[in-house]
Amino acid sequence: MARSGLSVFSVLGLGAAIMLTGCFGPPAPAPTTSSAAPSATTGPSSSATASPSAAPGTTAATTTPTTTAAAPTTTAAAPPSSAPASPTATGEPSPTGLPEQTGPLTVYYVAVGDNGVSGPAIGCGDSLVATTTAPVRFTDQVGPSVGTLLANKSRDIGQSGLINVLYQSSLTYVAGELDGSTITIWLTGQFMLGGVCDIPRAKAQLEYTAMAASGATSAQVFVNGRPIDDVLSLK
């Protein structure tokens, strides 16, 4: 019987040990695992929260629209910036194709009453006499020669006795063209002459100066688009 009693107490002791083990043994870590679970849940919650905020931020970002809006601005600015370059290049004078030279210019003035002794005879018993300037640089000699004649605002040519009947006229050389043996020049402005005899003198000064510069044997003069004979016939 005593062995049976001990067995009963042993069984009771073992049961109590099992119960105590159930209260303080393995269940103890469970709360730690449970408390960690919400922490893990929080992780997805945080990533879920970050994901929506990141997604709208990326979608609503104005980087793409800003870049797109900048493109038209650049395109629209190109023509104005490139436009000015074109007119500066086209403004340069067209080359004449003639080499640059240095030499004196020949300009004709009138010897009144000379009757063709000193040069070609012209109306009213006068002569034309060639004079030369100091050496100048030129490519097309016609423009500088006629321009020198028109720029002279003195009636008397030094002590030579020659006169310039164009000294009061306001004429400007525009262009010249050599066609075979004929030189044609275009002028603008107005004649201011001293009398009837100045008409053939003025015409001869212009024609002979243009012929000497171009090597032509005949000349035509247009003033304001009209032949010089028509213009001077009104004087």
Protein backbone atom coordinates (compact mmCIF):
# COMPACT_ATOMS: atom_id res chain seq x y z
CA MET A 1 0.00 0.00 0.00
CA ALA A 2 2.76 2.41 0.82
CA ARG A 3 4.16 1.89 -2.71
CA SER A 4 0.75 2.73 -4.12
CA GLY A 5 0.54 5.92 -2.06
CA LEU A 6 3.87 7.04 -3.23
CA SER A 7 2.80 6.43 -6.73
CA VAL A 8 -0.25 8.60 -6.26
CA PHE A 9 1.84 11.42 -4.78
CA SER A 10 4.31 11.04 -7.61
CA VAL A 11 1.50 11.33 -10.13
CA LEU A 12 0.13 14.42 -8.39
CA GLY A 13 3.58 15.99 -8.28
CA LEU A 14 4.12 15.34 -11.94
CA GLY A 15 0.74 16.87 -12.82
CA ALA A 16 1.50 19.95 -10.79
CA ALA A 17 4.82 20.29 -12.56
CA ILE A 18 3.11 20.05 -15.89
CA MET A 19 0.58 22.72 -14.89
CA LEU A 20 3.34 25.06 -13.69
CA THR A 21 5.26 24.47 -16.82
CA GLY A 22 2.16 25.43 -18.84
CA CYS A 23 1.92 28.75 -16.99
CA PHE A 24 5.59 29.88 -16.93
CA GLY A 25 7.33 27.87 -19.61
CA PRO A 26 6.75 27.95 -23.33
CA PRO A 27 3.74 30.34 -23.29
CA ALA A 28 6.03 33.18 -22.06
CA PRO A 29 7.55 33.88 -25.48
CA ALA A 30 4.07 33.95 -27.09
CA PRO A 31 3.29 37.53 -26.07
CA THR A 32 6.62 38.61 -27.60
CA THR A 33 5.66 36.96 -30.85
CA SER A 34 2.17 38.49 -30.64
CA SER A 35 3.58 41.95 -29.97
CA ALA A 36 5.99 41.53 -32.88
CA ALA A 37 3.12 40.65 -35.16
CA PRO A 38 1.55 44.12 -34.99
CA SER A 39 5.01 45.49 -35.68
CA ALA A 40 5.16 43.43 -38.85
CA THR A 41 1.65 44.56 -39.69
CA THR A 42 2.75 48.14 -39.21
CA GLY A 43 5.44 47.54 -41.80
CA PRO A 44 2.98 46.81 -44.58
CA SER A 45 0.80 49.59 -43.29
CA SER A 46 3.74 52.00 -43.61
CA SER A 47 4.64 50.76 -47.05
CA ALA A 48 1.01 50.99 -48.08
CA THR A 49 0.91 54.55 -46.84
CA ALA A 50 4.16 55.42 -48.56
CA SER A 51 3.04 53.82 -51.77
CA PRO A 52 -0.05 56.01 -52.30
CA SER A 53 1.84 59.16 -51.37
CA ALA A 54 4.69 58.25 -53.67
CA ALA A 55 2.40 57.30 -56.51
CA PRO A 56 0.47 60.57 -56.60
CA GLY A 57 3.73 62.48 -56.22
CA THR A 58 5.19 60.79 -59.26
CA THR A 59 2.01 60.98 -61.30
CA ALA A 60 1.20 64.58 -60.41
CA ALA A 61 4.75 65.78 -60.87
CA THR A 62 4.94 68.72 -63.31
CA THR A 63 8.35 67.78 -64.70
CA THR A 64 6.95 66.40 -67.95
CA PRO A 65 4.52 69.27 -68.62
CA THR A 66 7.25 71.80 -67.79
CA THR A 67 9.66 70.19 -70.24
CA THR A 68 6.94 70.04 -72.90
CA ALA A 69 6.06 73.70 -72.34
CA ALA A 70 9.72 74.72 -72.65
CA ALA A 71 10.08 73.09 -76.06
CA PRO A 72 7.71 75.47 -77.92
CA THR A 73 9.46 78.44 -76.29
CA THR A 74 12.81 77.32 -77.73
CA THR A 75 11.31 76.68 -81.17
CA ALA A 76 9.55 80.06 -81.28
CA ALA A 77 12.71 81.90 -80.28
CA ALA A 78 14.81 80.35 -83.06
CA PRO A 79 13.41 82.31 -86.04
CA PRO A 80 13.82 85.74 -84.41
CA SER A 81 17.40 84.99 -83.39
CA SER A 82 18.33 83.59 -86.78
CA ALA A 83 16.37 86.19 -88.74
CA PRO A 84 18.77 89.08 -88.16
CA ALA A 85 21.74 87.10 -89.50
CA SER A 86 20.21 86.85 -92.99
CA PRO A 87 19.63 90.63 -93.68
CA THR A 88 23.37 91.52 -92.43
CA ALA A 89 24.85 89.06 -95.07
CA THR A 90 22.60 90.26 -97.91
CA GLY A 91 23.46 93.92 -97.17
CA GLU A 92 26.98 93.55 -98.53
CA PRO A 93 27.56 95.05 -102.03
CA SER A 94 27.82 92.59 -104.89
CA PRO A 95 31.37 92.20 -106.15
CA THR A 96 32.03 93.89 -109.49
CA GLY A 97 34.46 91.23 -110.66
CA LEU A 98 37.06 93.92 -111.39
CA PRO A 99 40.47 93.99 -109.68
CA GLU A 100 41.23 96.83 -107.32
CA GLN A 101 43.45 99.46 -108.86
CA THR A 102 45.21 102.64 -107.83
CA GLY A 103 45.50 105.55 -110.21
CA PRO A 104 44.39 109.08 -111.09
CA LEU A 105 40.84 109.82 -112.25
CA THR A 106 40.07 111.80 -115.39
CA VAL A 107 37.50 114.59 -115.05
CA TYR A 108 36.47 117.02 -117.79
CA TYR A 109 35.96 120.77 -117.41
CA VAL A 110 35.18 123.57 -119.87
CA ALA A 111 37.52 126.01 -121.63
CA VAL A 112 35.16 128.82 -122.57
CA GLY A 113 35.69 130.30 -126.08
CA ASP A 114 38.56 127.88 -126.85
CA ASN A 115 36.87 126.70 -130.07
CA GLY A 116 38.20 123.14 -129.81
CA VAL A 117 41.87 124.10 -129.53
CA SER A 118 42.57 122.44 -126.18
CA GLY A 119 40.12 119.55 -126.49
CA PRO A 120 36.86 118.35 -128.04
CA ALA A 121 34.75 121.25 -129.33
CA ILE A 122 31.30 121.71 -127.81
CA GLY A 123 28.46 124.23 -128.25
CA CYS A 124 28.92 127.98 -127.91
CA GLY A 125 32.51 127.75 -129.26
CA ASP A 126 33.95 126.05 -126.16
CA SER A 127 36.29 123.13 -125.56
CA LEU A 128 36.39 120.26 -123.09
CA VAL A 129 39.69 119.74 -121.32
CA ALA A 130 40.70 116.60 -119.39
CA THR A 131 42.16 117.03 -115.92
CA THR A 132 43.48 114.35 -113.57
CA THR A 133 43.18 113.88 -109.83
CA ALA A 134 45.65 112.51 -107.34
CA PRO A 135 45.90 108.68 -107.34
CA VAL A 136 42.95 106.96 -105.67
CA ARG A 137 41.97 103.32 -105.13
CA PHE A 138 39.01 101.94 -107.09
CA THR A 139 37.54 98.89 -108.79
CA ASP A 140 34.88 100.49 -110.98
CA GLN A 141 36.33 103.80 -112.17
CA VAL A 142 33.08 105.25 -113.54
CA GLY A 143 31.44 105.87 -110.15
CA PRO A 144 34.47 107.58 -108.55
CA SER A 145 35.12 109.74 -111.64
CA VAL A 146 31.55 110.98 -112.06
CA GLY A 147 31.25 111.31 -108.29
CA THR A 148 34.36 113.52 -108.17
CA LEU A 149 32.90 115.78 -110.88
CA LEU A 150 29.57 116.14 -109.06
CA ALA A 151 31.22 116.71 -105.69
CA ASN A 152 33.21 119.72 -106.94
CA LYS A 153 31.31 122.83 -105.84
CA SER A 154 33.81 125.32 -107.24
CA ARG A 155 33.14 127.12 -110.52
CA ASP A 156 36.79 127.85 -111.30
CA ILE A 157 39.34 125.03 -111.49
CA GLY A 158 42.33 126.62 -109.81
CA GLN A 159 44.30 128.98 -112.04
CA SER A 160 43.77 126.89 -115.19
CA GLY A 161 41.03 129.11 -116.62
CA LEU A 162 38.71 126.10 -116.81
CA ILE A 163 35.21 126.24 -115.33
CA ASN A 164 32.77 123.71 -113.93
CA VAL A 165 29.18 124.52 -114.95
CA LEU A 166 27.81 121.79 -112.61
CA TYR A 167 29.04 123.42 -109.41
CA GLN A 168 25.56 124.61 -108.35
CA SER A 169 23.69 121.43 -109.35
CA SER A 170 22.62 118.86 -106.74
CA LEU A 171 23.21 115.60 -108.58
CA THR A 172 24.12 112.15 -107.25
CA TYR A 173 25.62 109.22 -109.14
CA VAL A 174 23.48 106.07 -108.82
CA ALA A 175 24.84 103.46 -111.24
CA GLY A 176 26.64 102.86 -114.51
CA GLU A 177 26.59 100.13 -117.13
CA LEU A 178 28.92 99.47 -120.04
CA ASP A 179 27.24 97.82 -123.04
CA GLY A 180 29.73 97.31 -125.83
CA SER A 181 31.20 100.73 -126.57
CA THR A 182 28.41 102.69 -124.86
CA ILE A 183 28.47 103.69 -121.21
CA THR A 184 25.14 104.51 -119.56
CA ILE A 185 24.99 106.31 -116.23
CA TRP A 186 22.03 107.07 -113.97
CA LEU A 187 21.85 110.16 -111.77
CA THR A 188 19.30 111.63 -109.40
CA GLY A 189 18.81 115.25 -108.38
CA GLN A 190 18.43 118.62 -110.05
CA PHE A 191 20.40 120.81 -112.45
CA MET A 192 21.16 124.41 -111.61
CA LEU A 193 22.73 126.06 -114.64
CA GLY A 194 23.70 129.63 -115.51
CA GLY A 195 22.28 129.97 -119.02
CA VAL A 196 21.60 128.39 -122.40
CA CYS A 197 25.28 127.74 -123.14
CA ASP A 198 25.61 125.78 -119.90
CA ILE A 199 23.27 123.08 -121.29
CA PRO A 200 25.76 121.59 -123.82
CA ARG A 201 28.60 122.20 -121.37
CA ALA A 202 26.93 120.24 -118.53
CA LYS A 203 25.98 117.37 -120.83
CA ALA A 204 29.48 117.17 -122.29
CA GLN A 205 31.19 117.22 -118.90
CA LEU A 206 29.12 114.23 -117.75
CA GLU A 207 29.40 112.22 -120.96
CA TYR A 208 33.15 112.69 -121.51
CA THR A 209 34.00 111.98 -117.88
CA ALA A 210 32.01 108.72 -118.03
CA MET A 211 33.60 107.71 -121.36
CA ALA A 212 37.13 108.35 -120.11
CA ALA A 213 36.50 106.22 -117.02
CA SER A 214 35.00 103.28 -118.94
CA GLY A 215 36.92 103.39 -122.22
CA ALA A 216 33.64 103.78 -124.14
CA THR A 217 33.21 105.89 -127.28
CA SER A 218 29.65 107.04 -126.60
CA ALA A 219 27.58 107.80 -123.51
CA GLN A 220 23.98 108.04 -122.37
CA VAL A 221 22.93 109.94 -119.24
CA PHE A 222 19.64 109.51 -117.38
CA VAL A 223 18.54 111.88 -114.62
CA ASN A 224 15.69 110.75 -112.39
CA GLY A 225 14.94 108.05 -114.94
CA ARG A 226 14.71 110.47 -117.90
CA PRO A 227 17.20 111.10 -120.73
CA ILE A 228 19.38 114.12 -120.05
CA ASP A 229 18.22 115.85 -123.27
CA ASP A 230 14.63 115.78 -122.04
CA VAL A 231 15.61 117.13 -118.65
CA LEU A 232 17.83 119.91 -119.95
CA SER A 233 15.36 120.94 -122.65
CA LEU A 234 13.21 122.39 -119.85
CA LYS A 235 15.98 124.65 -118.59
